[in-house]
Amino acid sequence: MFDVIYSWIDVIWLPIVYFGAYKQHRWWSIGLILFSMTLIRLLAEIMTYSGYNNGIMGFLEANVHTRGIIVSSFFYILFMVLSYYSKDTKGAAFMAACLSIFFMIFVSSSIAMIL
């Protein structure tokens, strides 16, 4: 029971982002969260399938999925703060911001999973 809750704990961000984002930015925000959730799961699967449940270097005790959720949650909070202050941002600029946050999540979580 707790394993299922633990592996899907980041789904809680979907309603938070849906109701927290401005109406014109909702679908971009939901897309960012969904793609980031998929990315974290794929990275964690690659690491555990390779036999590195605690990272390649093994410096940290937490497993790679936990590290990915922590890093992505930090960036989700940063994204929500930035999106709060960008109410009048047009679609293309907001899409570019979503892509930059996505690649920040990718690079940071990859580094966290290697450690």
N, C-alpha and C. Protein backbone atom coordinates (compact mmCIF):
# COMPACT_ATOMS: atom_id res chain seq x y z
N MET A 1 0.82 -1.20 0.00
CA MET A 1 0.00 0.00 0.00
C MET A 1 0.87 1.26 0.00
N PHE A 2 1.87 1.29 0.92
CA PHE A 2 2.71 2.47 1.00
C PHE A 2 3.63 2.61 -0.21
N ASP A 3 3.98 1.48 -0.83
CA ASP A 3 4.81 1.56 -2.03
C ASP A 3 4.08 2.24 -3.17
N VAL A 4 2.80 1.97 -3.31
CA VAL A 4 2.01 2.61 -4.36
C VAL A 4 1.87 4.11 -4.09
N ILE A 5 1.60 4.46 -2.84
CA ILE A 5 1.49 5.88 -2.48
C ILE A 5 2.82 6.57 -2.68
N TYR A 6 3.90 5.93 -2.26
CA TYR A 6 5.23 6.51 -2.37
C TYR A 6 5.63 6.74 -3.83
N SER A 7 5.33 5.78 -4.68
CA SER A 7 5.76 5.92 -6.08
C SER A 7 4.92 6.93 -6.85
N TRP A 8 3.73 7.27 -6.36
CA TRP A 8 2.88 8.24 -7.05
C TRP A 8 2.63 9.50 -6.21
N ILE A 9 3.52 9.81 -5.28
CA ILE A 9 3.31 10.95 -4.40
C ILE A 9 3.39 12.27 -5.15
N ASP A 10 4.11 12.32 -6.25
CA ASP A 10 4.24 13.58 -6.99
C ASP A 10 3.01 13.91 -7.83
N VAL A 11 2.03 13.04 -7.87
CA VAL A 11 0.79 13.34 -8.57
C VAL A 11 0.02 14.46 -7.86
N ILE A 12 0.33 14.66 -6.59
CA ILE A 12 -0.32 15.72 -5.83
C ILE A 12 -0.06 17.09 -6.45
N TRP A 13 1.00 17.21 -7.24
CA TRP A 13 1.31 18.48 -7.87
C TRP A 13 0.34 18.84 -8.99
N LEU A 14 -0.33 17.87 -9.58
CA LEU A 14 -1.25 18.17 -10.69
C LEU A 14 -2.40 19.08 -10.27
N PRO A 15 -3.16 18.76 -9.21
CA PRO A 15 -4.22 19.71 -8.82
C PRO A 15 -3.67 21.02 -8.27
N ILE A 16 -2.51 20.97 -7.61
CA ILE A 16 -1.92 22.20 -7.09
C ILE A 16 -1.59 23.15 -8.24
N VAL A 17 -0.98 22.61 -9.28
CA VAL A 17 -0.61 23.45 -10.42
C VAL A 17 -1.85 23.87 -11.21
N TYR A 18 -2.81 22.97 -11.33
CA TYR A 18 -4.02 23.32 -12.09
C TYR A 18 -4.75 24.49 -11.45
N PHE A 19 -4.93 24.44 -10.15
CA PHE A 19 -5.65 25.51 -9.48
C PHE A 19 -4.77 26.70 -9.12
N GLY A 20 -3.46 26.51 -9.12
CA GLY A 20 -2.56 27.60 -8.77
C GLY A 20 -2.12 28.45 -9.95
N ALA A 21 -2.17 27.90 -11.14
CA ALA A 21 -1.72 28.64 -12.32
C ALA A 21 -2.85 29.51 -12.87
N TYR A 22 -2.47 30.54 -13.57
CA TYR A 22 -3.48 31.38 -14.22
C TYR A 22 -4.14 30.60 -15.34
N LYS A 23 -5.34 30.99 -15.70
CA LYS A 23 -6.14 30.21 -16.65
C LYS A 23 -5.45 30.05 -18.00
N GLN A 24 -4.78 31.09 -18.48
CA GLN A 24 -4.14 31.00 -19.79
C GLN A 24 -2.86 30.14 -19.76
N HIS A 25 -2.37 29.81 -18.56
CA HIS A 25 -1.14 29.03 -18.44
C HIS A 25 -1.36 27.62 -17.91
N ARG A 26 -2.59 27.26 -17.66
CA ARG A 26 -2.86 25.98 -17.00
C ARG A 26 -2.35 24.78 -17.77
N TRP A 27 -2.61 24.71 -19.05
CA TRP A 27 -2.27 23.50 -19.80
C TRP A 27 -0.77 23.37 -20.01
N TRP A 28 -0.08 24.50 -20.14
CA TRP A 28 1.38 24.43 -20.21
C TRP A 28 1.93 23.93 -18.89
N SER A 29 1.36 24.38 -17.80
CA SER A 29 1.82 23.97 -16.47
C SER A 29 1.56 22.48 -16.23
N ILE A 30 0.38 22.02 -16.60
CA ILE A 30 0.05 20.60 -16.46
C ILE A 30 0.98 19.76 -17.33
N GLY A 31 1.26 20.22 -18.54
CA GLY A 31 2.18 19.51 -19.43
C GLY A 31 3.57 19.41 -18.83
N LEU A 32 4.04 20.49 -18.22
CA LEU A 32 5.36 20.45 -17.58
C LEU A 32 5.39 19.41 -16.47
N ILE A 33 4.38 19.38 -15.64
CA ILE A 33 4.34 18.43 -14.53
C ILE A 33 4.28 16.99 -15.05
N LEU A 34 3.44 16.74 -16.04
CA LEU A 34 3.31 15.38 -16.57
C LEU A 34 4.60 14.89 -17.23
N PHE A 35 5.22 15.74 -18.04
CA PHE A 35 6.46 15.34 -18.69
C PHE A 35 7.59 15.18 -17.69
N SER A 36 7.60 16.01 -16.65
CA SER A 36 8.64 15.89 -15.63
C SER A 36 8.45 14.62 -14.80
N MET A 37 7.20 14.28 -14.50
CA MET A 37 6.94 13.03 -13.79
C MET A 37 7.41 11.83 -14.61
N THR A 38 7.13 11.87 -15.90
CA THR A 38 7.58 10.80 -16.78
C THR A 38 9.10 10.73 -16.84
N LEU A 39 9.73 11.88 -16.91
CA LEU A 39 11.19 11.94 -16.95
C LEU A 39 11.81 11.35 -15.69
N ILE A 40 11.30 11.72 -14.53
CA ILE A 40 11.85 11.22 -13.27
C ILE A 40 11.69 9.70 -13.19
N ARG A 41 10.55 9.20 -13.62
CA ARG A 41 10.35 7.75 -13.58
C ARG A 41 11.28 7.03 -14.56
N LEU A 42 11.48 7.60 -15.74
CA LEU A 42 12.38 6.97 -16.71
C LEU A 42 13.82 6.98 -16.21
N LEU A 43 14.27 8.10 -15.65
CA LEU A 43 15.63 8.15 -15.11
C LEU A 43 15.82 7.17 -13.96
N ALA A 44 14.83 7.09 -13.08
CA ALA A 44 14.92 6.16 -11.95
C ALA A 44 14.92 4.72 -12.43
N GLU A 45 14.13 4.41 -13.44
CA GLU A 45 14.10 3.05 -13.99
C GLU A 45 15.44 2.69 -14.62
N ILE A 46 16.03 3.62 -15.34
CA ILE A 46 17.34 3.35 -15.95
C ILE A 46 18.38 3.07 -14.88
N MET A 47 18.37 3.87 -13.82
CA MET A 47 19.36 3.69 -12.76
C MET A 47 19.14 2.37 -12.00
N THR A 48 17.91 2.05 -11.68
CA THR A 48 17.67 0.80 -10.94
C THR A 48 17.88 -0.42 -11.82
N TYR A 49 17.56 -0.31 -13.10
CA TYR A 49 17.77 -1.42 -14.02
C TYR A 49 19.26 -1.68 -14.22
N SER A 50 20.05 -0.61 -14.13
CA SER A 50 21.50 -0.76 -14.26
C SER A 50 22.13 -1.32 -12.99
N GLY A 51 21.37 -1.37 -11.91
CA GLY A 51 21.89 -1.92 -10.67
C GLY A 51 22.35 -0.88 -9.68
N TYR A 52 22.08 0.39 -9.95
CA TYR A 52 22.50 1.46 -9.06
C TYR A 52 21.28 2.06 -8.36
N ASN A 53 20.77 1.38 -7.36
CA ASN A 53 19.58 1.86 -6.64
C ASN A 53 19.86 3.11 -5.82
N ASN A 54 21.10 3.27 -5.37
CA ASN A 54 21.47 4.43 -4.56
C ASN A 54 22.42 5.35 -5.30
N GLY A 55 22.38 5.36 -6.59
CA GLY A 55 23.23 6.23 -7.39
C GLY A 55 24.53 5.53 -7.79
N ILE A 56 25.18 6.09 -8.79
CA ILE A 56 26.42 5.49 -9.28
C ILE A 56 27.54 5.64 -8.25
N MET A 57 27.65 6.81 -7.65
CA MET A 57 28.71 7.04 -6.67
C MET A 57 28.35 6.54 -5.28
N GLY A 58 27.09 6.48 -4.97
CA GLY A 58 26.63 5.97 -3.69
C GLY A 58 26.89 6.88 -2.50
N PHE A 59 27.00 8.19 -2.73
CA PHE A 59 27.25 9.13 -1.64
C PHE A 59 26.04 9.31 -0.73
N LEU A 60 24.87 9.22 -1.27
CA LEU A 60 23.65 9.47 -0.49
C LEU A 60 22.94 8.16 -0.21
N GLU A 61 22.20 8.11 0.89
CA GLU A 61 21.51 6.89 1.30
C GLU A 61 20.18 6.69 0.57
N ALA A 62 19.53 7.78 0.19
CA ALA A 62 18.20 7.68 -0.43
C ALA A 62 18.31 7.05 -1.82
N ASN A 63 17.24 6.35 -2.21
CA ASN A 63 17.27 5.77 -3.55
C ASN A 63 17.04 6.85 -4.61
N VAL A 64 17.23 6.50 -5.85
CA VAL A 64 17.23 7.49 -6.92
C VAL A 64 15.85 8.08 -7.17
N HIS A 65 14.80 7.31 -6.96
CA HIS A 65 13.45 7.85 -7.18
C HIS A 65 13.13 8.94 -6.16
N THR A 66 13.54 8.73 -4.93
CA THR A 66 13.33 9.74 -3.89
C THR A 66 14.08 11.02 -4.22
N ARG A 67 15.30 10.89 -4.67
CA ARG A 67 16.09 12.05 -5.05
C ARG A 67 15.44 12.81 -6.20
N GLY A 68 14.94 12.07 -7.17
CA GLY A 68 14.28 12.71 -8.31
C GLY A 68 13.03 13.47 -7.90
N ILE A 69 12.25 12.89 -6.99
CA ILE A 69 11.04 13.56 -6.52
C ILE A 69 11.39 14.82 -5.74
N ILE A 70 12.43 14.76 -4.92
CA ILE A 70 12.83 15.93 -4.15
C ILE A 70 13.30 17.05 -5.06
N VAL A 71 14.14 16.73 -6.03
CA VAL A 71 14.65 17.75 -6.96
C VAL A 71 13.51 18.33 -7.79
N SER A 72 12.65 17.48 -8.32
CA SER A 72 11.56 17.99 -9.15
C SER A 72 10.58 18.82 -8.33
N SER A 73 10.33 18.43 -7.09
CA SER A 73 9.43 19.22 -6.24
C SER A 73 9.99 20.61 -5.97
N PHE A 74 11.29 20.69 -5.78
CA PHE A 74 11.92 22.01 -5.62
C PHE A 74 11.69 22.88 -6.84
N PHE A 75 11.85 22.31 -8.02
CA PHE A 75 11.65 23.08 -9.24
C PHE A 75 10.17 23.37 -9.51
N TYR A 76 9.27 22.51 -9.06
CA TYR A 76 7.85 22.81 -9.18
C TYR A 76 7.48 24.03 -8.34
N ILE A 77 8.04 24.10 -7.13
CA ILE A 77 7.79 25.26 -6.28
C ILE A 77 8.35 26.52 -6.93
N LEU A 78 9.56 26.42 -7.46
CA LEU A 78 10.16 27.56 -8.16
C LEU A 78 9.31 27.96 -9.36
N PHE A 79 8.80 26.99 -10.09
CA PHE A 79 7.95 27.27 -11.25
C PHE A 79 6.66 27.96 -10.84
N MET A 80 6.06 27.51 -9.74
CA MET A 80 4.81 28.14 -9.29
C MET A 80 5.04 29.59 -8.86
N VAL A 81 6.16 29.85 -8.21
CA VAL A 81 6.48 31.23 -7.82
C VAL A 81 6.70 32.09 -9.06
N LEU A 82 7.44 31.57 -10.01
CA LEU A 82 7.69 32.33 -11.24
C LEU A 82 6.41 32.53 -12.05
N SER A 83 5.56 31.53 -12.09
CA SER A 83 4.33 31.68 -12.86
C SER A 83 3.34 32.62 -12.18
N TYR A 84 3.43 32.75 -10.86
CA TYR A 84 2.57 33.70 -10.15
C TYR A 84 2.91 35.13 -10.55
N TYR A 85 4.18 35.40 -10.75
CA TYR A 85 4.60 36.75 -11.10
C TYR A 85 4.60 37.02 -12.60
N SER A 86 4.18 36.07 -13.40
CA SER A 86 4.16 36.27 -14.85
C SER A 86 2.75 36.13 -15.41
N LYS A 87 1.84 36.87 -14.85
CA LYS A 87 0.43 36.78 -15.25
C LYS A 87 0.23 37.20 -16.70
N ASP A 88 0.88 38.25 -17.13
CA ASP A 88 0.65 38.79 -18.47
C ASP A 88 1.59 38.22 -19.53
N THR A 89 2.27 37.15 -19.21
CA THR A 89 3.20 36.54 -20.17
C THR A 89 2.42 35.87 -21.28
N LYS A 90 2.86 36.07 -22.50
CA LYS A 90 2.21 35.45 -23.67
C LYS A 90 2.57 33.97 -23.75
N GLY A 91 1.88 33.26 -24.61
CA GLY A 91 2.01 31.81 -24.71
C GLY A 91 3.40 31.32 -25.07
N ALA A 92 4.05 31.94 -26.05
CA ALA A 92 5.36 31.47 -26.48
C ALA A 92 6.42 31.67 -25.40
N ALA A 93 6.36 32.78 -24.71
CA ALA A 93 7.33 33.04 -23.64
C ALA A 93 7.10 32.08 -22.47
N PHE A 94 5.86 31.79 -22.15
CA PHE A 94 5.57 30.86 -21.06
C PHE A 94 5.97 29.44 -21.44
N MET A 95 5.79 29.08 -22.71
CA MET A 95 6.22 27.77 -23.18
C MET A 95 7.74 27.65 -23.07
N ALA A 96 8.46 28.71 -23.41
CA ALA A 96 9.91 28.69 -23.30
C ALA A 96 10.34 28.56 -21.84
N ALA A 97 9.62 29.20 -20.94
CA ALA A 97 9.92 29.07 -19.52
C ALA A 97 9.68 27.64 -19.04
N CYS A 98 8.60 27.02 -19.52
CA CYS A 98 8.32 25.63 -19.16
C CYS A 98 9.41 24.70 -19.66
N LEU A 99 9.88 24.92 -20.88
CA LEU A 99 10.96 24.10 -21.42
C LEU A 99 12.25 24.28 -20.63
N SER A 100 12.55 25.53 -20.25
CA SER A 100 13.78 25.74 -19.48
C SER A 100 13.70 25.07 -18.12
N ILE A 101 12.56 25.15 -17.45
CA ILE A 101 12.39 24.48 -16.16
C ILE A 101 12.49 22.96 -16.35
N PHE A 102 11.93 22.45 -17.44
CA PHE A 102 12.01 21.01 -17.70
C PHE A 102 13.46 20.56 -17.85
N PHE A 103 14.26 21.31 -18.60
CA PHE A 103 15.65 20.92 -18.76
C PHE A 103 16.46 21.13 -17.49
N MET A 104 16.07 22.10 -16.66
CA MET A 104 16.71 22.25 -15.36
C MET A 104 16.41 21.04 -14.48
N ILE A 105 15.18 20.56 -14.53
CA ILE A 105 14.81 19.36 -13.77
C ILE A 105 15.60 18.16 -14.27
N PHE A 106 15.73 18.05 -15.59
CA PHE A 106 16.46 16.91 -16.17
C PHE A 106 17.92 16.89 -15.73
N VAL A 107 18.60 18.02 -15.86
CA VAL A 107 20.02 18.07 -15.53
C VAL A 107 20.23 17.89 -14.02
N SER A 108 19.44 18.60 -13.22
CA SER A 108 19.62 18.53 -11.76
C SER A 108 19.29 17.15 -11.20
N SER A 109 18.21 16.55 -11.68
CA SER A 109 17.87 15.23 -11.18
C SER A 109 18.85 14.18 -11.66
N SER A 110 19.40 14.35 -12.85
CA SER A 110 20.43 13.41 -13.32
C SER A 110 21.66 13.48 -12.44
N ILE A 111 22.08 14.69 -12.08
CA ILE A 111 23.23 14.84 -11.19
C ILE A 111 22.92 14.26 -9.81
N ALA A 112 21.71 14.53 -9.30
CA ALA A 112 21.34 14.00 -7.99
C ALA A 112 21.26 12.47 -8.00
N MET A 113 20.86 11.90 -9.12
CA MET A 113 20.77 10.44 -9.19
C MET A 113 22.16 9.81 -9.35
N ILE A 114 23.09 10.53 -9.93
CA ILE A 114 24.44 9.99 -10.05
C ILE A 114 25.14 9.97 -8.70
N LEU A 115 24.89 11.01 -7.90
CA LEU A 115 25.52 11.05 -6.57
C LEU A 115 24.99 9.91 -5.74
